[in-house]
């Protein structure tokens, strides 16, 4: 009887922190604007693996842009799209959209889509990030710049990675390759 009680308490405790994952919406239901102000519609990426990474130009992880570009070049023809989402939520992206664009192109030769600068955390977070938290839980909330969210071909979040995980790391590449199967 005591074991059933402990089990019930554990279920109650942990279920309150687990995301609902009801997916009333899919990633394809969200839109951003790109750095030029043009619509960037996730619906254009249906049936693709979408890698969403919040970025900042004055972060210690900024050099990850280089590996993001390499991953993009290697996997875009296989059905993956890389999307960078600039944010100043950690006070490391003070630039305007045109400055961000110039920085990315000049320093890293970025050719993948980059959204306009948005908030990614809290009550003012872009709806995509609110949706990610609601459906995937706290691991979908960026704790720092260069947090990674992988969305599967079905429009649902497959996996998230902390900033410290480099886009060229074996575990990140494995997650992308598995998603592309």
N, C-alpha and C. Protein backbone atom coordinates (compact mmCIF):
# COMPACT_ATOMS: atom_id res chain seq x y z
N UNK A 1 0.82 -1.19 0.00
CA UNK A 1 0.00 0.00 0.00
C UNK A 1 0.86 1.25 0.00
N UNK A 2 1.93 1.24 0.79
CA UNK A 2 2.83 2.39 0.87
C UNK A 2 3.52 2.62 -0.47
N UNK A 3 3.88 1.53 -1.15
CA UNK A 3 4.52 1.66 -2.46
C UNK A 3 3.59 2.31 -3.48
N UNK A 4 2.31 1.94 -3.45
CA UNK A 4 1.34 2.55 -4.36
C UNK A 4 1.20 4.04 -4.07
N UNK A 5 1.22 4.39 -2.80
CA UNK A 5 1.11 5.79 -2.40
C UNK A 5 2.33 6.58 -2.90
N UNK A 6 3.52 6.02 -2.71
CA UNK A 6 4.74 6.68 -3.18
C UNK A 6 4.72 6.83 -4.70
N UNK A 7 4.29 5.79 -5.36
CA UNK A 7 4.21 5.81 -6.82
C UNK A 7 3.24 6.90 -7.28
N UNK A 8 2.08 6.98 -6.65
CA UNK A 8 1.08 7.99 -6.98
C UNK A 8 1.63 9.39 -6.75
N UNK A 9 2.32 9.60 -5.64
CA UNK A 9 2.91 10.91 -5.37
C UNK A 9 3.97 11.27 -6.42
N UNK A 10 4.77 10.30 -6.80
CA UNK A 10 5.79 10.55 -7.81
C UNK A 10 5.14 10.95 -9.14
N UNK A 11 4.09 10.24 -9.52
CA UNK A 11 3.39 10.54 -10.77
C UNK A 11 2.82 11.95 -10.71
N UNK A 12 2.20 12.30 -9.60
CA UNK A 12 1.61 13.63 -9.45
C UNK A 12 2.69 14.70 -9.52
N UNK A 13 3.80 14.48 -8.86
CA UNK A 13 4.88 15.46 -8.82
C UNK A 13 5.48 15.67 -10.20
N UNK A 14 5.83 14.58 -10.86
CA UNK A 14 6.49 14.70 -12.15
C UNK A 14 5.53 15.09 -13.26
N UNK A 15 4.29 14.71 -13.18
CA UNK A 15 3.35 15.06 -14.24
C UNK A 15 3.08 16.55 -14.29
N UNK A 16 3.27 17.24 -13.19
CA UNK A 16 3.02 18.67 -13.19
C UNK A 16 4.13 19.43 -13.91
N UNK A 17 5.28 18.81 -14.14
CA UNK A 17 6.37 19.50 -14.81
C UNK A 17 6.57 19.02 -16.24
N UNK A 18 5.83 18.04 -16.66
CA UNK A 18 5.96 17.50 -18.00
C UNK A 18 5.06 18.29 -18.95
N UNK A 19 5.56 18.59 -20.13
CA UNK A 19 4.77 19.32 -21.13
C UNK A 19 3.59 18.47 -21.58
N UNK A 20 2.56 19.15 -22.01
CA UNK A 20 1.36 18.44 -22.43
C UNK A 20 1.53 17.75 -23.77
N UNK A 21 2.32 18.31 -24.66
CA UNK A 21 2.59 17.74 -25.98
C UNK A 21 1.32 17.36 -26.73
N UNK A 22 0.30 18.20 -26.61
CA UNK A 22 -0.92 17.91 -27.34
C UNK A 22 -0.85 18.39 -28.79
N UNK A 23 0.10 19.24 -29.07
CA UNK A 23 0.36 19.71 -30.43
C UNK A 23 -0.90 20.10 -31.18
N UNK A 24 -1.67 21.01 -30.61
CA UNK A 24 -2.81 21.55 -31.35
C UNK A 24 -2.32 22.33 -32.55
N UNK A 25 -1.09 22.84 -32.46
CA UNK A 25 -0.44 23.49 -33.58
C UNK A 25 0.87 22.76 -33.85
N UNK A 26 1.38 22.94 -35.06
CA UNK A 26 2.68 22.39 -35.42
C UNK A 26 3.61 23.56 -35.73
N UNK A 27 4.88 23.28 -35.85
CA UNK A 27 5.85 24.33 -36.14
C UNK A 27 5.46 25.09 -37.41
N UNK A 28 4.81 24.41 -38.35
CA UNK A 28 4.42 25.01 -39.61
C UNK A 28 3.39 26.12 -39.46
N UNK A 29 2.78 26.23 -38.28
CA UNK A 29 1.78 27.25 -38.03
C UNK A 29 2.39 28.60 -37.64
N UNK A 30 3.73 28.67 -37.57
CA UNK A 30 4.37 29.89 -37.09
C UNK A 30 5.11 30.62 -38.19
N UNK A 31 5.16 31.92 -38.02
CA UNK A 31 5.83 32.79 -38.98
C UNK A 31 6.77 33.74 -38.23
N UNK A 32 7.82 34.09 -38.88
CA UNK A 32 8.72 35.13 -38.43
C UNK A 32 8.82 36.12 -39.59
N UNK A 33 9.61 37.14 -39.42
CA UNK A 33 10.05 37.98 -40.52
C UNK A 33 11.55 37.79 -40.61
N UNK A 34 12.08 37.87 -41.83
CA UNK A 34 13.53 37.76 -41.95
C UNK A 34 14.18 39.11 -41.67
N UNK A 35 15.48 39.18 -41.78
CA UNK A 35 16.20 40.41 -41.44
C UNK A 35 15.86 41.58 -42.35
N UNK A 36 15.29 41.29 -43.52
CA UNK A 36 14.87 42.36 -44.44
C UNK A 36 13.42 42.74 -44.23
N UNK A 37 12.73 42.06 -43.30
CA UNK A 37 11.32 42.36 -43.04
C UNK A 37 10.34 41.56 -43.87
N UNK A 38 10.84 40.65 -44.69
CA UNK A 38 9.96 39.79 -45.50
C UNK A 38 9.46 38.63 -44.66
N UNK A 39 8.27 38.11 -44.98
CA UNK A 39 7.74 36.97 -44.23
C UNK A 39 8.64 35.74 -44.33
N UNK A 40 8.82 35.08 -43.22
CA UNK A 40 9.55 33.80 -43.17
C UNK A 40 8.56 32.81 -42.58
N UNK A 41 7.90 32.07 -43.46
CA UNK A 41 6.82 31.18 -43.06
C UNK A 41 7.33 29.76 -42.90
N UNK A 42 7.16 29.21 -41.71
CA UNK A 42 7.57 27.82 -41.49
C UNK A 42 6.75 26.86 -42.34
N UNK A 43 5.56 27.28 -42.77
CA UNK A 43 4.74 26.41 -43.63
C UNK A 43 5.45 26.09 -44.95
N UNK A 44 6.40 26.93 -45.34
CA UNK A 44 7.17 26.68 -46.56
C UNK A 44 8.17 25.52 -46.37
N UNK A 45 8.34 25.09 -45.13
CA UNK A 45 9.30 24.02 -44.82
C UNK A 45 8.61 22.72 -44.42
N UNK A 46 7.34 22.56 -44.81
CA UNK A 46 6.63 21.31 -44.50
C UNK A 46 7.42 20.14 -45.03
N UNK A 47 7.42 19.07 -44.23
CA UNK A 47 8.12 17.82 -44.56
C UNK A 47 9.63 17.96 -44.57
N UNK A 48 10.13 19.01 -43.96
CA UNK A 48 11.58 19.17 -43.80
C UNK A 48 11.90 19.13 -42.31
N UNK A 49 13.15 18.86 -42.01
CA UNK A 49 13.64 18.95 -40.64
C UNK A 49 14.08 20.39 -40.45
N UNK A 50 13.54 21.04 -39.43
CA UNK A 50 13.85 22.44 -39.17
C UNK A 50 14.71 22.53 -37.91
N UNK A 51 15.87 23.15 -38.04
CA UNK A 51 16.76 23.37 -36.91
C UNK A 51 16.69 24.86 -36.58
N UNK A 52 16.18 25.18 -35.39
CA UNK A 52 16.02 26.56 -34.96
C UNK A 52 17.04 26.84 -33.86
N UNK A 53 17.86 27.86 -34.09
CA UNK A 53 18.92 28.20 -33.12
C UNK A 53 18.84 29.69 -32.81
N UNK A 54 18.67 30.02 -31.52
CA UNK A 54 18.71 31.43 -31.15
C UNK A 54 20.17 31.88 -31.10
N UNK A 55 20.45 33.03 -31.68
CA UNK A 55 21.83 33.47 -31.88
C UNK A 55 22.06 34.89 -31.35
N UNK A 56 23.33 35.23 -31.19
CA UNK A 56 23.74 36.58 -30.78
C UNK A 56 25.17 36.81 -31.24
N UNK A 57 25.45 38.00 -31.71
CA UNK A 57 26.76 38.29 -32.29
C UNK A 57 27.85 38.57 -31.26
N UNK A 58 27.48 38.83 -30.03
CA UNK A 58 28.48 39.14 -29.01
C UNK A 58 28.54 38.09 -27.91
N UNK A 59 28.34 36.86 -28.30
CA UNK A 59 28.32 35.74 -27.36
C UNK A 59 29.58 34.90 -27.54
N UNK A 60 30.01 34.26 -26.49
CA UNK A 60 31.16 33.36 -26.58
C UNK A 60 30.92 32.19 -27.52
N UNK A 61 29.65 31.88 -27.79
CA UNK A 61 29.32 30.78 -28.69
C UNK A 61 29.13 31.24 -30.15
N UNK A 62 29.34 32.52 -30.42
CA UNK A 62 29.09 33.07 -31.75
C UNK A 62 29.86 32.33 -32.84
N UNK A 63 31.01 31.79 -32.51
CA UNK A 63 31.78 31.05 -33.52
C UNK A 63 31.03 29.81 -34.00
N UNK A 64 29.95 29.42 -33.32
CA UNK A 64 29.14 28.29 -33.79
C UNK A 64 28.47 28.59 -35.13
N UNK A 65 28.36 29.86 -35.49
CA UNK A 65 27.82 30.22 -36.80
C UNK A 65 28.56 29.46 -37.91
N UNK A 66 29.87 29.35 -37.76
CA UNK A 66 30.69 28.67 -38.78
C UNK A 66 30.23 27.23 -38.98
N UNK A 67 30.03 26.51 -37.87
CA UNK A 67 29.58 25.12 -37.97
C UNK A 67 28.11 25.03 -38.39
N UNK A 68 27.31 26.02 -38.01
CA UNK A 68 25.92 26.04 -38.48
C UNK A 68 25.90 26.10 -40.01
N UNK A 69 26.75 26.95 -40.58
CA UNK A 69 26.81 27.08 -42.03
C UNK A 69 27.25 25.77 -42.68
N UNK A 70 28.24 25.10 -42.07
CA UNK A 70 28.72 23.82 -42.62
C UNK A 70 27.62 22.76 -42.58
N UNK A 71 26.90 22.69 -41.47
CA UNK A 71 25.80 21.72 -41.34
C UNK A 71 24.71 22.04 -42.36
N UNK A 72 24.40 23.31 -42.51
CA UNK A 72 23.41 23.75 -43.50
C UNK A 72 23.82 23.30 -44.90
N UNK A 73 25.07 23.56 -45.26
CA UNK A 73 25.55 23.20 -46.60
C UNK A 73 25.51 21.68 -46.82
N UNK A 74 25.79 20.91 -45.80
CA UNK A 74 25.82 19.46 -45.94
C UNK A 74 24.43 18.84 -46.03
N UNK A 75 23.46 19.39 -45.27
CA UNK A 75 22.17 18.71 -45.14
C UNK A 75 20.98 19.41 -45.80
N UNK A 76 21.15 20.59 -46.35
CA UNK A 76 20.00 21.27 -46.93
C UNK A 76 19.39 20.51 -48.11
N UNK A 77 20.23 19.88 -48.91
CA UNK A 77 19.72 19.12 -50.06
C UNK A 77 19.04 17.82 -49.63
N UNK A 78 19.26 17.42 -48.38
CA UNK A 78 18.66 16.19 -47.86
C UNK A 78 17.34 16.45 -47.14
N UNK A 79 16.95 17.75 -47.05
CA UNK A 79 15.66 18.06 -46.43
C UNK A 79 15.74 18.75 -45.10
N UNK A 80 16.85 19.40 -44.79
CA UNK A 80 16.97 20.13 -43.54
C UNK A 80 17.06 21.63 -43.83
N UNK A 81 16.44 22.41 -42.98
CA UNK A 81 16.60 23.86 -43.06
C UNK A 81 17.12 24.36 -41.71
N UNK A 82 18.11 25.22 -41.75
CA UNK A 82 18.69 25.84 -40.55
C UNK A 82 18.12 27.25 -40.47
N UNK A 83 17.61 27.63 -39.32
CA UNK A 83 17.07 28.97 -39.13
C UNK A 83 17.67 29.58 -37.87
N UNK A 84 18.31 30.73 -38.04
CA UNK A 84 18.88 31.46 -36.92
C UNK A 84 17.87 32.50 -36.45
N UNK A 85 17.73 32.61 -35.12
CA UNK A 85 16.79 33.55 -34.53
C UNK A 85 17.57 34.47 -33.59
N UNK A 86 17.96 35.66 -34.07
CA UNK A 86 18.67 36.60 -33.20
C UNK A 86 17.79 37.09 -32.06
N UNK A 87 18.40 37.22 -30.90
CA UNK A 87 17.69 37.71 -29.72
C UNK A 87 18.66 38.46 -28.81
N UNK A 88 18.14 39.47 -28.17
CA UNK A 88 18.95 40.21 -27.20
C UNK A 88 18.51 39.88 -25.77
N UNK A 89 17.83 38.76 -25.59
CA UNK A 89 17.35 38.38 -24.26
C UNK A 89 18.47 38.20 -23.25
N UNK A 90 19.68 37.95 -23.72
CA UNK A 90 20.82 37.77 -22.82
C UNK A 90 21.81 38.93 -22.97
N UNK A 91 21.32 40.04 -23.54
CA UNK A 91 22.10 41.28 -23.70
C UNK A 91 23.38 41.08 -24.50
N UNK A 92 23.29 40.25 -25.55
CA UNK A 92 24.46 40.01 -26.38
C UNK A 92 24.18 40.19 -27.87
N UNK A 93 23.03 40.77 -28.18
CA UNK A 93 22.69 41.08 -29.57
C UNK A 93 22.07 42.47 -29.63
N UNK A 94 22.89 43.51 -29.44
CA UNK A 94 22.35 44.87 -29.41
C UNK A 94 22.06 45.45 -30.79
N UNK A 95 22.58 44.83 -31.84
CA UNK A 95 22.46 45.39 -33.19
C UNK A 95 21.06 45.39 -33.74
N UNK A 96 20.86 46.25 -34.74
CA UNK A 96 19.62 46.27 -35.51
C UNK A 96 19.69 45.16 -36.56
N UNK A 97 18.56 44.87 -37.19
CA UNK A 97 18.51 43.76 -38.16
C UNK A 97 19.55 43.90 -39.27
N UNK A 98 19.74 45.10 -39.82
CA UNK A 98 20.72 45.26 -40.90
C UNK A 98 22.14 45.03 -40.40
N UNK A 99 22.44 45.40 -39.15
CA UNK A 99 23.76 45.14 -38.58
C UNK A 99 23.98 43.65 -38.37
N UNK A 100 22.96 42.96 -37.93
CA UNK A 100 23.05 41.51 -37.72
C UNK A 100 23.31 40.83 -39.06
N UNK A 101 22.57 41.22 -40.08
CA UNK A 101 22.74 40.64 -41.41
C UNK A 101 24.16 40.85 -41.92
N UNK A 102 24.65 42.07 -41.82
CA UNK A 102 26.01 42.38 -42.28
C UNK A 102 27.05 41.59 -41.50
N UNK A 103 26.87 41.48 -40.20
CA UNK A 103 27.80 40.73 -39.35
C UNK A 103 27.86 39.26 -39.78
N UNK A 104 26.70 38.65 -39.95
CA UNK A 104 26.63 37.22 -40.30
C UNK A 104 27.22 36.94 -41.67
N UNK A 105 26.90 37.78 -42.62
CA UNK A 105 27.41 37.57 -43.98
C UNK A 105 28.91 37.84 -44.07
N UNK A 106 29.36 38.94 -43.46
CA UNK A 106 30.77 39.32 -43.56
C UNK A 106 31.69 38.39 -42.79
N UNK A 107 31.28 37.96 -41.61
CA UNK A 107 32.14 37.16 -40.75
C UNK A 107 32.03 35.66 -40.95
N UNK A 108 30.87 35.19 -41.41
CA UNK A 108 30.65 33.74 -41.49
C UNK A 108 30.10 33.26 -42.82
N UNK A 109 29.80 34.18 -43.74
CA UNK A 109 29.26 33.77 -45.03
C UNK A 109 27.93 33.06 -44.93
N UNK A 110 27.10 33.46 -43.99
CA UNK A 110 25.83 32.78 -43.72
C UNK A 110 24.90 32.88 -44.92
N UNK A 111 24.34 31.75 -45.33
CA UNK A 111 23.37 31.71 -46.42
C UNK A 111 22.02 31.13 -45.99
N UNK A 112 21.95 30.60 -44.75
CA UNK A 112 20.67 30.06 -44.30
C UNK A 112 19.78 31.20 -43.80
N UNK A 113 18.47 30.97 -43.66
CA UNK A 113 17.55 32.02 -43.22
C UNK A 113 17.86 32.51 -41.80
N UNK A 114 17.73 33.81 -41.63
CA UNK A 114 17.88 34.45 -40.32
C UNK A 114 16.64 35.31 -40.11
N UNK A 115 16.01 35.14 -38.98
CA UNK A 115 14.81 35.93 -38.66
C UNK A 115 15.21 37.30 -38.15
N UNK A 116 14.22 38.18 -38.07
CA UNK A 116 14.45 39.45 -37.40
C UNK A 116 14.70 39.17 -35.93
N UNK A 117 15.25 40.13 -35.23
CA UNK A 117 15.54 39.97 -33.80
C UNK A 117 14.22 39.93 -33.03
N UNK A 118 14.08 38.89 -32.19
CA UNK A 118 12.86 38.71 -31.39
C UNK A 118 13.23 38.29 -29.97
N UNK A 119 12.24 38.32 -29.11
CA UNK A 119 12.40 37.79 -27.76
C UNK A 119 12.11 36.29 -27.81
N UNK A 120 12.86 35.52 -27.04
CA UNK A 120 12.72 34.06 -27.07
C UNK A 120 12.31 33.48 -25.71
N UNK A 121 12.23 34.34 -24.69
CA UNK A 121 11.93 33.89 -23.34
C UNK A 121 10.88 34.79 -22.69
N UNK A 122 10.18 34.21 -21.73
CA UNK A 122 9.24 34.99 -20.94
C UNK A 122 7.94 35.32 -21.64
N UNK A 123 7.20 36.24 -21.05
CA UNK A 123 5.86 36.56 -21.54
C UNK A 123 5.86 37.25 -22.90
N UNK A 124 6.99 37.82 -23.30
CA UNK A 124 7.08 38.48 -24.60
C UNK A 124 7.75 37.61 -25.66
N UNK A 125 7.94 36.35 -25.35
CA UNK A 125 8.60 35.44 -26.29
C UNK A 125 7.79 35.31 -27.58
N UNK A 126 8.51 35.11 -28.66
CA UNK A 126 7.86 34.85 -29.94
C UNK A 126 6.94 33.63 -29.76
N UNK A 127 5.78 33.62 -30.41
CA UNK A 127 4.84 32.49 -30.27
C UNK A 127 5.46 31.12 -30.53
N UNK A 128 6.43 31.02 -31.44
CA UNK A 128 7.09 29.73 -31.67
C UNK A 128 7.72 29.21 -30.39
N UNK A 129 8.40 30.08 -29.66
CA UNK A 129 9.08 29.66 -28.43
C UNK A 129 8.09 29.34 -27.31
N UNK A 130 6.98 30.05 -27.27
CA UNK A 130 5.93 29.71 -26.30
C UNK A 130 5.36 28.33 -26.61
N UNK A 131 5.11 28.07 -27.89
CA UNK A 131 4.61 26.77 -28.34
C UNK A 131 5.61 25.67 -28.00
N UNK A 132 6.90 25.94 -28.24
CA UNK A 132 7.93 24.93 -27.95
C UNK A 132 7.93 24.57 -26.47
N UNK A 133 7.84 25.58 -25.62
CA UNK A 133 7.82 25.32 -24.17
C UNK A 133 6.56 24.54 -23.79
N UNK A 134 5.43 24.93 -24.32
CA UNK A 134 4.17 24.27 -23.98
C UNK A 134 4.17 22.80 -24.39
N UNK A 135 4.77 22.50 -25.53
CA UNK A 135 4.70 21.14 -26.06
C UNK A 135 5.92 20.27 -25.79
N UNK A 136 7.05 20.88 -25.47
CA UNK A 136 8.25 20.08 -25.22
C UNK A 136 8.81 20.29 -23.81
N UNK A 137 8.31 21.27 -23.11
CA UNK A 137 8.74 21.49 -21.74
C UNK A 137 9.92 22.44 -21.62
N UNK A 138 10.49 22.47 -20.44
CA UNK A 138 11.55 23.43 -20.11
C UNK A 138 12.80 23.26 -20.96
N UNK A 139 13.05 22.08 -21.48
CA UNK A 139 14.25 21.90 -22.29
C UNK A 139 14.17 22.67 -23.61
N UNK A 140 12.99 23.10 -24.00
CA UNK A 140 12.83 23.89 -25.22
C UNK A 140 13.05 25.38 -24.98
N UNK A 141 13.16 25.78 -23.72
CA UNK A 141 13.38 27.19 -23.39
C UNK A 141 14.88 27.47 -23.38
N UNK A 142 15.33 28.38 -24.24
CA UNK A 142 16.77 28.69 -24.26
C UNK A 142 17.24 29.25 -22.93
N UNK A 143 18.30 28.67 -22.42
CA UNK A 143 18.90 29.16 -21.19
C UNK A 143 20.05 30.10 -21.51
N UNK A 144 20.44 30.12 -22.78
CA UNK A 144 21.50 31.00 -23.26
C UNK A 144 21.43 31.03 -24.79
N UNK A 145 22.28 31.81 -25.39
CA UNK A 145 22.36 31.89 -26.85
C UNK A 145 22.86 30.57 -27.44
N UNK A 146 22.47 30.32 -28.66
CA UNK A 146 22.86 29.13 -29.43
C UNK A 146 22.26 27.84 -28.87
N UNK A 147 21.08 27.97 -28.29
CA UNK A 147 20.25 26.83 -27.89
C UNK A 147 19.61 26.29 -29.18
N UNK A 148 19.51 24.98 -29.29
CA UNK A 148 19.07 24.37 -30.53
C UNK A 148 17.78 23.56 -30.35
N UNK A 149 16.86 23.74 -31.28
CA UNK A 149 15.60 22.98 -31.30
C UNK A 149 15.52 22.29 -32.65
N UNK A 150 15.35 20.98 -32.64
CA UNK A 150 15.17 20.24 -33.89
C UNK A 150 13.70 19.84 -34.01
N UNK A 151 13.10 20.27 -35.10
CA UNK A 151 11.70 19.96 -35.41
C UNK A 151 11.69 18.92 -36.52
N UNK A 152 10.97 17.84 -36.30
CA UNK A 152 10.90 16.76 -37.28
C UNK A 152 10.03 17.10 -38.47
N UNK A 153 10.03 16.21 -39.45
CA UNK A 153 9.25 16.39 -40.68
C UNK A 153 7.75 16.49 -40.40
N UNK A 154 7.33 16.03 -39.22
CA UNK A 154 5.92 16.09 -38.84
C UNK A 154 5.55 17.40 -38.16
N UNK A 155 6.51 18.33 -38.01
CA UNK A 155 6.22 19.62 -37.42
C UNK A 155 6.27 19.63 -35.90
N UNK A 156 6.72 18.53 -35.30
CA UNK A 156 6.82 18.42 -33.84
C UNK A 156 8.28 18.41 -33.41
N UNK A 157 8.52 18.90 -32.21
CA UNK A 157 9.89 18.94 -31.70
C UNK A 157 10.38 17.53 -31.41
N UNK A 158 11.56 17.24 -31.93
CA UNK A 158 12.19 15.95 -31.70
C UNK A 158 13.13 16.01 -30.52
N UNK A 159 13.98 17.05 -30.53
CA UNK A 159 15.03 17.13 -29.53
C UNK A 159 15.51 18.57 -29.39
N UNK A 160 16.07 18.86 -28.22
CA UNK A 160 16.67 20.17 -27.98
C UNK A 160 18.09 19.96 -27.47
N UNK A 161 18.92 20.96 -27.70
CA UNK A 161 20.31 20.89 -27.28
C UNK A 161 20.72 22.21 -26.64
N UNK A 162 21.49 22.12 -25.58
CA UNK A 162 21.99 23.30 -24.89
C UNK A 162 23.03 24.01 -25.75
N UNK A 163 23.31 25.23 -25.39
CA UNK A 163 24.25 26.08 -26.12
C UNK A 163 25.62 25.43 -26.28
N UNK A 164 26.04 24.71 -25.31
CA UNK A 164 27.38 24.12 -25.31
C UNK A 164 27.54 23.05 -26.38
N UNK A 165 26.44 22.48 -26.87
CA UNK A 165 26.50 21.47 -27.92
C UNK A 165 26.77 22.16 -29.25
N UNK A 166 27.89 21.87 -29.84
CA UNK A 166 28.26 22.47 -31.11
C UNK A 166 27.47 21.81 -32.24
N UNK A 167 27.07 22.59 -33.25
CA UNK A 167 26.33 21.99 -34.37
C UNK A 167 27.10 20.90 -35.12
N UNK A 168 28.40 20.86 -34.97
CA UNK A 168 29.18 19.81 -35.64
C UNK A 168 29.45 18.61 -34.74
N UNK A 169 28.91 18.64 -33.51
CA UNK A 169 29.14 17.53 -32.59
C UNK A 169 28.46 16.25 -33.08
N UNK A 170 29.03 15.12 -32.70
CA UNK A 170 28.50 13.83 -33.14
C UNK A 170 27.05 13.63 -32.72
N UNK A 171 26.69 14.02 -31.50
CA UNK A 171 25.32 13.77 -31.05
C UNK A 171 24.32 14.68 -31.76
N UNK A 172 24.73 15.89 -32.11
CA UNK A 172 23.84 16.78 -32.84
C UNK A 172 23.64 16.28 -34.27
N UNK A 173 24.73 15.92 -34.92
CA UNK A 173 24.66 15.39 -36.29
C UNK A 173 23.83 14.11 -36.33
N UNK A 174 24.01 13.26 -35.34
CA UNK A 174 23.23 12.01 -35.28
C UNK A 174 21.74 12.31 -35.19
N UNK A 175 21.38 13.30 -34.37
CA UNK A 175 19.95 13.68 -34.22
C UNK A 175 19.39 14.18 -35.55
N UNK A 176 20.18 14.96 -36.28
CA UNK A 176 19.72 15.47 -37.58
C UNK A 176 19.58 14.31 -38.57
N UNK A 177 20.58 13.47 -38.63
CA UNK A 177 20.53 12.33 -39.57
C UNK A 177 19.37 11.40 -39.26
N UNK A 178 19.11 11.16 -37.98
CA UNK A 178 17.96 10.32 -37.60
C UNK A 178 16.65 10.97 -38.02
N UNK A 179 16.56 12.28 -37.87
CA UNK A 179 15.34 13.01 -38.23
C UNK A 179 15.12 12.99 -39.75
N UNK A 180 16.21 12.95 -40.49
CA UNK A 180 16.10 12.97 -41.96
C UNK A 180 15.75 11.61 -42.56
N UNK A 181 15.80 10.55 -41.77
CA UNK A 181 15.51 9.19 -42.28
C UNK A 181 14.08 9.06 -42.69
